[in-house]
Amino acid sequence: MNELKVSVAGMKGDDCIQEIEQALLSLNGVERALADLKEEMVSIEYDEHAIDVSVIINTIEQIGFEPA
C-alpha cells in the first residue's frame, strides 16, 4: 500500500468531506480516504498495482474540488 496526501481547495464542511471520501472509497484500489477540513488535505491509502494516482486526482476534480 502507498499513501498519498493531496491538498484540496474548496472544502467547506462535513458534506464536502463525505463527498470526497465516498468518491475516493468507491474507486477500486483505494483502501482508505480521510479528508481533513482544517488542513484542506486528503490522505489516501491505495494499492499502486490497482489504481494510478492520476485517477485519484481526476476523481477529486470531477466532483468539483481543486487538488494541488
Protein backbone atom coordinates (compact mmCIF):
# COMPACT_ATOMS: atom_id res chain seq x y z
CA MET A 1 0.00 0.00 0.00
CA ASN A 2 1.08 3.53 -0.77
CA GLU A 3 -0.03 6.70 0.94
CA LEU A 4 -0.82 9.90 -0.91
CA LYS A 5 -1.55 13.28 0.66
CA VAL A 6 -3.37 15.73 -1.59
CA SER A 7 -4.07 19.35 -0.79
CA VAL A 8 -7.68 20.07 -1.76
CA ALA A 9 -9.05 23.60 -2.03
CA GLY A 10 -12.75 24.31 -1.72
CA MET A 11 -13.79 22.04 1.15
CA LYS A 12 -16.38 23.94 3.20
CA GLY A 13 -17.85 21.49 5.69
CA ASP A 14 -18.80 17.95 6.61
CA ASP A 15 -20.77 17.46 3.38
CA CYS A 16 -17.63 18.17 1.34
CA ILE A 17 -15.61 15.76 3.44
CA GLN A 18 -18.17 12.99 2.98
CA GLU A 19 -18.44 13.63 -0.76
CA ILE A 20 -14.67 13.40 -1.26
CA GLU A 21 -14.21 10.36 0.96
CA GLN A 22 -17.13 8.46 -0.61
CA ALA A 23 -15.96 9.24 -4.16
CA LEU A 24 -12.44 8.04 -3.41
CA LEU A 25 -13.51 4.95 -1.49
CA SER A 26 -15.69 3.91 -4.44
CA LEU A 27 -12.55 3.54 -6.58
CA ASN A 28 -11.08 0.08 -6.98
CA GLY A 29 -7.70 0.12 -5.24
CA VAL A 30 -8.40 2.86 -2.69
CA GLU A 31 -8.36 1.34 0.78
CA ARG A 32 -8.68 4.48 2.92
CA ALA A 33 -9.54 8.12 2.34
CA LEU A 34 -9.57 10.64 5.17
CA ALA A 35 -10.31 14.30 4.48
CA ASP A 36 -9.20 16.99 6.94
CA LEU A 37 -11.18 20.21 6.61
CA LYS A 38 -8.89 22.32 8.77
CA GLU A 39 -5.74 21.31 6.87
CA GLU A 40 -7.54 21.19 3.49
CA MET A 41 -5.85 17.85 2.92
CA VAL A 42 -6.94 14.34 1.96
CA SER A 43 -4.88 11.32 3.00
CA ILE A 44 -5.38 8.34 0.72
CA GLU A 45 -4.10 4.81 1.15
CA TYR A 46 -4.14 2.93 -2.13
CA ASP A 47 -2.80 -0.11 -3.97
CA GLU A 48 -0.43 1.18 -6.65
CA HIS A 49 -0.98 -2.02 -8.65
CA ALA A 50 -4.75 -1.46 -8.82
CA ILE A 51 -5.06 2.29 -9.38
CA ASP A 52 -2.99 5.13 -10.81
CA VAL A 53 -2.56 8.41 -8.92
CA SER A 54 -3.96 10.29 -11.93
CA VAL A 55 -7.29 8.50 -11.49
CA ILE A 56 -7.44 9.64 -7.86
CA ILE A 57 -6.65 13.24 -8.81
CA ASN A 58 -9.18 13.20 -11.68
CA THR A 59 -11.87 11.88 -9.35
CA ILE A 60 -11.34 14.78 -6.94
CA GLU A 61 -11.56 17.22 -9.87
CA GLN A 62 -14.69 15.57 -11.29
CA ILE A 63 -16.64 16.15 -8.08
CA GLY A 64 -15.75 19.84 -8.14
CA PHE A 65 -12.68 20.30 -5.97
CA GLU A 66 -9.19 21.57 -6.78
CA PRO A 67 -6.40 19.14 -5.89
CA ALA A 68 -2.89 20.56 -5.69
